[in-house]
Amino acid sequence: MKTMGDVARIAGVSASTVSHVLNGTRKVNTATRLRVEAAIEETGYRRNGVARSLAAGRTHTVGLSISALTNPYFGSLVHAVERALSDAGYVLIVGDSHDDVTSEQRVTGSLLDRQVDGMIVAPAAGSERITLPEITRTGTPLVLIDRGVDAGCDQVGPENFASARSLTAHLLDLGHRRIAVVRGLAGISSTIERFDGYCAALADRGIAVDPALVLDGDSNTDVAEREVHALMSRADRPGALVSLNNAMTIGTLKALRRLGLSIPGEVAFSCYDDFEWSDLFAPRLTAAAQDVETIGVTAAELLLRRIHGSDDAPQQIRVPTTFHHRNSCGCT
């Protein structure tokens, strides 16, 4: 890699003169400036942006620790965050925590080593005990996204409880009393809140939760497919299902197809999370859609305010979902 010294040698000037040409910090006569610019072109020299940023106390980079980047929801979330930060002149560096707190700790540690100006984290289970205190101790501005924990920092995510309650209540309104639920990864707030919403909808009608109808899908397509297949293979299978995230929805649909069960003829179905192609499914999926764009942009804006010195009280923002009433639930 060529250095400023290489440029100075070829141009026949001092390194400080090269620096003045690059940074405009002192007037340099035209002939000298042209020689320096020609030497830069010849060598392909590029300034050390990291060193310059560190000297200025800013790197204009933001770290993002998030799970399951193969999940379309998280991919869309990253895209929304990146675009908002790019518009503000920041570069986003992304690491996949794989929803494991040890991996998350490694990812966030690496991002901190790169002197990022701020951090956005979708916390894994246990993050509030391990990862987040380490970030907080460094004084790095922090915003939590998608999932919330008791961490004393800004947080933005979707509304979970009321949305899952509404999805379940809609199936109850259609006359179903045995409704199975596919819930997500244990230990994270979105799983807890959505499952609580399901339970609340049943309690509203005086129906006890049947443990046999509660499936742990681990926010994983393959796990959800296995669990749904086992339940719906039984002679006493329920007449309705609600899935609480999009990865598990795919697994649920795979299981029902393998079993040859029609939706909604034999099984009514609703789900949390929507897909761009939901209208192309047969039947079309009744779903609670997250406003991914608003979640991502809001997280970026909250972080930028902290980076620029805001000392306002931490905000906890919940973005409402939109109920898309289609016909997988049995409505025409």
Protein backbone atom coordinates (compact mmCIF):
# COMPACT_ATOMS: atom_id res chain seq x y z
CA MET A 1 0.00 0.00 0.00
CA LYS A 2 1.37 3.38 -1.03
CA THR A 3 1.99 5.99 1.68
CA MET A 4 2.01 9.77 1.85
CA GLY A 5 5.81 9.51 1.89
CA ASP A 6 5.75 7.73 -1.50
CA VAL A 7 3.64 10.56 -2.93
CA ALA A 8 6.00 13.18 -1.46
CA ARG A 9 9.10 11.45 -2.90
CA ILE A 10 7.66 11.23 -6.42
CA ALA A 11 6.40 14.83 -6.32
CA GLY A 12 9.69 16.08 -4.84
CA VAL A 13 7.99 17.77 -1.88
CA SER A 14 7.65 17.21 1.85
CA ALA A 15 4.96 14.99 3.37
CA SER A 16 3.48 18.07 5.05
CA THR A 17 2.99 19.67 1.62
CA VAL A 18 1.15 16.55 0.44
CA SER A 19 -1.03 16.79 3.55
CA HIS A 20 -1.84 20.44 2.84
CA VAL A 21 -2.87 19.59 -0.74
CA LEU A 22 -5.08 16.73 0.43
CA ASN A 23 -6.72 18.60 3.27
CA GLY A 24 -6.69 22.17 1.99
CA THR A 25 -5.10 23.35 5.22
CA ARG A 26 -2.63 25.77 3.56
CA LYS A 27 -2.33 27.43 0.18
CA VAL A 28 0.07 25.58 -2.13
CA ASN A 29 1.27 27.13 -5.40
CA THR A 30 -0.30 25.75 -8.56
CA ALA A 31 2.78 24.01 -9.96
CA THR A 32 3.46 22.18 -6.70
CA ARG A 33 -0.18 21.21 -6.28
CA LEU A 34 -0.26 19.78 -9.82
CA ARG A 35 2.90 17.70 -9.12
CA VAL A 36 1.33 16.33 -5.92
CA GLU A 37 -1.94 15.50 -7.66
CA ALA A 38 -0.05 13.73 -10.46
CA ALA A 39 1.91 11.70 -7.88
CA ILE A 40 -1.33 10.73 -6.11
CA GLU A 41 -2.75 9.55 -9.44
CA GLU A 42 0.43 7.62 -10.27
CA THR A 43 0.65 5.84 -6.92
CA GLY A 44 -3.08 5.28 -6.39
CA TYR A 45 -2.63 6.65 -2.87
CA ARG A 46 -5.72 6.76 -0.66
CA ARG A 47 -5.90 8.64 2.61
CA ASN A 48 -6.22 6.61 5.80
CA GLY A 49 -9.83 7.49 6.55
CA VAL A 50 -9.83 5.52 9.80
CA ALA A 51 -6.82 7.36 11.16
CA ARG A 52 -8.26 10.72 10.15
CA SER A 53 -11.62 9.87 11.71
CA LEU A 54 -10.06 8.71 14.96
CA ALA A 55 -8.00 11.88 15.14
CA ALA A 56 -11.23 13.83 14.77
CA GLY A 57 -12.97 11.67 17.39
CA ARG A 58 -15.47 10.18 14.90
CA THR A 59 -15.40 7.26 12.48
CA HIS A 60 -18.83 7.90 10.95
CA THR A 61 -19.58 4.21 11.29
CA VAL A 62 -22.39 2.48 13.18
CA GLY A 63 -22.43 -1.15 14.28
CA LEU A 64 -25.52 -3.34 14.03
CA SER A 65 -25.80 -6.70 15.80
CA ILE A 66 -28.84 -8.60 14.60
CA SER A 67 -29.92 -12.21 14.19
CA ALA A 68 -30.90 -14.42 11.27
CA LEU A 69 -29.98 -12.17 8.36
CA THR A 70 -31.48 -14.81 6.05
CA ASN A 71 -34.91 -13.98 7.51
CA PRO A 72 -36.63 -11.54 5.10
CA TYR A 73 -37.89 -9.44 8.01
CA PHE A 74 -34.41 -8.82 9.41
CA GLY A 75 -33.01 -8.26 5.93
CA SER A 76 -35.60 -5.54 5.34
CA LEU A 77 -34.86 -4.05 8.75
CA VAL A 78 -31.14 -3.82 7.99
CA HIS A 79 -31.94 -2.17 4.66
CA ALA A 80 -34.10 0.49 6.33
CA VAL A 81 -31.45 1.25 8.98
CA GLU A 82 -28.66 1.39 6.40
CA ARG A 83 -30.49 3.79 4.11
CA ALA A 84 -31.31 6.19 6.95
CA LEU A 85 -27.72 6.19 8.22
CA SER A 86 -26.27 6.53 4.73
CA ASP A 87 -28.38 9.63 4.15
CA ALA A 88 -26.76 11.08 7.27
CA GLY A 89 -23.23 10.25 6.08
CA TYR A 90 -22.65 7.10 8.14
CA VAL A 91 -21.55 3.62 7.09
CA LEU A 92 -23.28 0.61 8.67
CA ILE A 93 -21.25 -2.45 9.74
CA VAL A 94 -23.44 -5.52 10.33
CA GLY A 95 -22.75 -8.65 12.37
CA ASP A 96 -25.04 -11.69 12.76
CA SER A 97 -25.49 -12.78 16.39
CA HIS A 98 -27.31 -15.97 15.36
CA ASP A 99 -29.58 -15.30 18.36
CA ASP A 100 -26.83 -16.56 20.65
CA VAL A 101 -25.50 -14.32 23.40
CA THR A 102 -21.94 -15.66 23.09
CA SER A 103 -21.91 -14.89 19.37
CA GLU A 104 -23.52 -11.54 20.08
CA GLN A 105 -20.78 -10.71 22.58
CA ARG A 106 -18.13 -11.55 19.98
CA VAL A 107 -19.87 -9.46 17.30
CA THR A 108 -20.39 -6.40 19.50
CA GLY A 109 -16.84 -6.64 20.84
CA SER A 110 -15.48 -6.61 17.30
CA LEU A 111 -17.63 -3.61 16.42
CA LEU A 112 -16.45 -1.73 19.50
CA ASP A 113 -12.84 -2.51 18.58
CA ARG A 114 -13.54 -0.73 15.28
CA GLN A 115 -14.44 2.42 17.22
CA VAL A 116 -17.97 2.67 15.84
CA ASP A 117 -19.72 5.90 16.79
CA GLY A 118 -22.85 4.06 17.95
CA MET A 119 -24.46 0.66 18.18
CA ILE A 120 -27.86 -0.79 17.30
CA VAL A 121 -28.61 -4.22 18.79
CA ALA A 122 -31.47 -6.71 18.40
CA PRO A 123 -30.72 -8.38 21.74
CA ALA A 124 -30.37 -12.13 22.09
CA ALA A 125 -31.68 -13.91 25.19
CA GLY A 126 -29.41 -12.97 28.11
CA SER A 127 -28.07 -9.86 26.37
CA GLU A 128 -29.11 -7.60 29.27
CA ARG A 129 -26.78 -9.52 31.61
CA ILE A 130 -23.76 -9.91 29.33
CA THR A 131 -23.55 -7.89 26.13
CA LEU A 132 -25.40 -4.67 26.84
CA PRO A 133 -23.52 -3.78 30.08
CA GLU A 134 -20.25 -4.16 28.16
CA ILE A 135 -21.44 -1.69 25.52
CA THR A 136 -22.78 0.72 28.13
CA ARG A 137 -19.47 0.73 30.02
CA THR A 138 -17.69 2.07 26.92
CA GLY A 139 -20.05 5.04 26.71
CA THR A 140 -20.96 4.11 23.13
CA PRO A 141 -24.46 5.36 22.19
CA LEU A 142 -26.84 2.39 22.06
CA VAL A 143 -30.31 1.73 20.66
CA LEU A 144 -32.17 -1.57 20.89
CA ILE A 145 -34.22 -2.65 17.90
CA ASP A 146 -37.05 -5.18 17.43
CA ARG A 147 -36.80 -6.56 20.98
CA GLY A 148 -36.79 -4.78 24.30
CA VAL A 149 -35.03 -5.45 27.59
CA ASP A 150 -34.56 -3.49 30.81
CA ALA A 151 -31.39 -1.71 29.79
CA GLY A 152 -31.98 2.03 30.33
CA CYS A 153 -31.47 2.97 26.68
CA ASP A 154 -33.55 3.93 23.64
CA GLN A 155 -35.61 1.07 22.21
CA VAL A 156 -37.84 0.74 19.16
CA GLY A 157 -39.79 -2.28 17.99
CA PRO A 158 -43.16 -3.53 16.82
CA GLU A 159 -46.30 -3.79 18.91
CA ASN A 160 -46.60 -7.47 19.82
CA PHE A 161 -49.20 -8.17 22.49
CA ALA A 162 -52.31 -6.56 20.98
CA SER A 163 -51.46 -7.83 17.50
CA ALA A 164 -51.21 -11.48 18.56
CA ARG A 165 -54.34 -11.03 20.66
CA SER A 166 -56.25 -9.73 17.62
CA LEU A 167 -55.05 -12.55 15.36
CA THR A 168 -56.25 -15.12 17.89
CA ALA A 169 -59.49 -13.28 18.65
CA HIS A 170 -60.36 -13.23 14.96
CA LEU A 171 -60.17 -17.03 14.82
CA LEU A 172 -62.28 -17.21 17.97
CA ASP A 173 -64.84 -14.90 16.37
CA LEU A 174 -65.12 -17.43 13.55
CA GLY A 175 -66.16 -20.10 16.04
CA HIS A 176 -62.87 -21.87 16.71
CA ARG A 177 -62.21 -22.93 20.30
CA ARG A 178 -59.14 -25.16 19.90
CA ILE A 179 -56.49 -22.90 18.40
CA ALA A 180 -52.87 -24.03 18.31
CA VAL A 181 -50.07 -21.48 18.51
CA VAL A 182 -46.52 -21.69 17.14
CA ARG A 183 -44.42 -19.45 19.38
CA GLY A 184 -40.90 -18.19 18.82
CA LEU A 185 -37.49 -18.42 20.40
CA ALA A 186 -37.55 -18.64 24.19
CA GLY A 187 -36.25 -15.80 26.32
CA ILE A 188 -36.79 -12.85 23.98
CA SER A 189 -39.39 -10.16 24.55
CA SER A 190 -41.22 -10.52 21.23
CA THR A 191 -41.87 -14.22 21.89
CA ILE A 192 -43.15 -13.52 25.40
CA GLU A 193 -45.38 -10.61 24.39
CA ARG A 194 -46.93 -12.37 21.39
CA PHE A 195 -47.63 -15.52 23.35
CA ASP A 196 -49.15 -13.43 26.13
CA GLY A 197 -51.43 -11.88 23.50
CA TYR A 198 -52.57 -15.33 22.39
CA CYS A 199 -53.26 -16.32 26.00
CA ALA A 200 -55.16 -13.09 26.66
CA ALA A 201 -57.47 -13.68 23.68
CA LEU A 202 -58.37 -17.13 25.03
CA ALA A 203 -58.86 -15.77 28.55
CA ASP A 204 -61.21 -13.11 27.19
CA ARG A 205 -63.53 -15.97 26.13
CA GLY A 206 -63.03 -18.01 29.29
CA ILE A 207 -60.91 -20.62 27.48
CA ALA A 208 -57.94 -22.16 29.28
CA VAL A 209 -54.65 -22.53 27.45
CA ASP A 210 -54.15 -26.18 26.43
CA PRO A 211 -50.42 -27.00 26.71
CA ALA A 212 -50.85 -29.63 23.99
CA LEU A 213 -51.69 -26.84 21.55
CA VAL A 214 -48.64 -24.71 22.39
CA LEU A 215 -45.81 -25.48 19.98
CA ASP A 216 -42.26 -24.18 20.41
CA GLY A 217 -41.14 -23.26 16.91
CA ASP A 218 -37.91 -21.55 18.07
CA SER A 219 -38.37 -18.91 15.34
CA ASN A 220 -37.05 -21.56 12.95
CA THR A 221 -38.66 -22.90 9.78
CA ASP A 222 -37.53 -26.51 10.21
CA VAL A 223 -38.45 -26.71 13.89
CA ALA A 224 -41.88 -25.23 13.24
CA GLU A 225 -42.49 -27.65 10.38
CA ARG A 226 -41.61 -30.62 12.60
CA GLU A 227 -43.77 -29.48 15.52
CA VAL A 228 -46.80 -28.59 13.39
CA HIS A 229 -46.55 -31.84 11.45
CA ALA A 230 -46.56 -33.85 14.69
CA LEU A 231 -49.57 -32.00 16.10
CA MET A 232 -51.65 -31.95 12.94
CA SER A 233 -51.03 -35.65 12.29
CA ARG A 234 -53.14 -36.48 15.32
CA ALA A 235 -56.77 -37.53 15.05
CA ASP A 236 -57.73 -34.80 17.54
CA ARG A 237 -55.93 -32.05 15.68
CA PRO A 238 -57.19 -28.47 16.22
CA GLY A 239 -59.16 -26.64 13.60
CA ALA A 240 -57.10 -23.45 13.69
CA LEU A 241 -53.49 -22.31 13.95
CA VAL A 242 -51.73 -19.02 14.61
CA SER A 243 -48.01 -18.60 13.86
CA LEU A 244 -46.09 -15.84 15.61
CA ASN A 245 -43.31 -15.05 13.13
CA ASN A 246 -42.64 -15.41 9.42
CA ALA A 247 -39.95 -18.11 9.57
CA MET A 248 -42.35 -20.32 11.52
CA THR A 249 -45.18 -19.47 9.14
CA ILE A 250 -43.18 -20.97 6.27
CA GLY A 251 -42.56 -24.11 8.34
CA THR A 252 -46.24 -24.32 9.27
CA LEU A 253 -47.34 -24.07 5.64
CA LYS A 254 -44.83 -26.75 4.64
CA ALA A 255 -46.15 -29.11 7.32
CA LEU A 256 -49.78 -28.61 6.32
CA ARG A 257 -48.94 -29.16 2.67
CA ARG A 258 -47.08 -32.39 3.48
CA LEU A 259 -50.15 -33.59 5.34
CA GLY A 260 -52.47 -32.59 2.53
CA LEU A 261 -54.54 -30.36 4.81
CA SER A 262 -56.30 -27.50 3.07
CA ILE A 263 -56.33 -23.93 4.34
CA PRO A 264 -58.88 -22.76 5.38
CA GLY A 265 -61.11 -25.74 4.56
CA GLU A 266 -59.56 -28.04 7.15
CA VAL A 267 -57.37 -25.61 9.09
CA ALA A 268 -57.98 -21.88 9.60
CA PHE A 269 -54.72 -19.94 9.79
CA SER A 270 -53.46 -16.48 10.76
CA CYS A 271 -49.92 -15.23 11.32
CA TYR A 272 -47.77 -12.47 12.77
CA ASP A 273 -45.48 -10.94 10.10
CA ASP A 274 -46.44 -10.43 6.52
CA PHE A 275 -44.68 -11.19 3.26
CA GLU A 276 -44.47 -9.07 0.13
CA TRP A 277 -45.95 -12.02 -1.70
CA SER A 278 -48.74 -12.83 0.80
CA ASP A 279 -51.37 -11.93 -1.77
CA LEU A 280 -49.89 -14.59 -4.06
CA PHE A 281 -50.39 -17.46 -1.61
CA ALA A 282 -53.41 -19.67 -2.14
CA PRO A 283 -55.16 -18.93 0.10
CA ARG A 284 -54.03 -15.38 0.80
CA LEU A 285 -52.64 -15.05 4.32
CA THR A 286 -54.42 -13.17 7.10
CA ALA A 287 -51.55 -11.47 8.90
CA ALA A 288 -50.36 -8.71 11.22
CA ALA A 289 -47.80 -6.75 9.19
CA GLN A 290 -44.92 -4.93 10.85
CA ASP A 291 -43.95 -1.46 9.65
CA VAL A 292 -40.32 -2.41 9.08
CA GLU A 293 -39.40 0.87 7.42
CA THR A 294 -40.59 2.95 10.36
CA ILE A 295 -38.88 0.69 12.90
CA GLY A 296 -35.54 0.87 11.08
CA VAL A 297 -35.61 4.60 10.35
CA THR A 298 -36.71 5.43 13.91
CA ALA A 299 -33.86 3.37 15.39
CA ALA A 300 -31.34 5.15 13.17
CA GLU A 301 -32.73 8.57 14.07
CA LEU A 302 -32.67 7.82 17.80
CA LEU A 303 -29.05 6.71 17.55
CA LEU A 304 -27.96 9.73 15.52
CA ARG A 305 -29.44 12.02 18.17
CA ARG A 306 -27.40 10.23 20.84
CA ILE A 307 -24.24 10.39 18.73
CA HIS A 308 -24.75 14.13 18.35
CA GLY A 309 -25.00 14.60 22.10
CA SER A 310 -28.67 14.33 23.08
CA ASP A 311 -29.12 13.63 26.79
CA ASP A 312 -32.94 13.31 26.69
CA ALA A 313 -34.56 10.55 28.73
CA PRO A 314 -34.46 7.15 26.96
CA GLN A 315 -37.44 6.47 24.72
CA GLN A 316 -39.32 3.20 24.31
CA ILE A 317 -41.22 3.30 21.03
CA ARG A 318 -43.66 0.66 19.82
CA VAL A 319 -44.72 0.83 16.18
CA PRO A 320 -48.24 -0.48 15.50
CA THR A 321 -48.82 -3.35 13.09
CA THR A 322 -51.43 -3.41 10.33
CA PHE A 323 -54.04 -6.18 10.22
CA HIS A 324 -54.32 -7.61 6.71
CA HIS A 325 -57.60 -9.48 6.56
CA ARG A 326 -57.40 -12.06 3.80
CA ASN A 327 -58.92 -15.54 3.48
CA SER A 328 -56.58 -18.07 5.13
CA CYS A 329 -58.68 -17.60 8.26
CA GLY A 330 -61.79 -18.85 6.49
CA CYS A 331 -63.39 -15.52 5.66
CA THR A 332 -64.51 -14.98 2.08
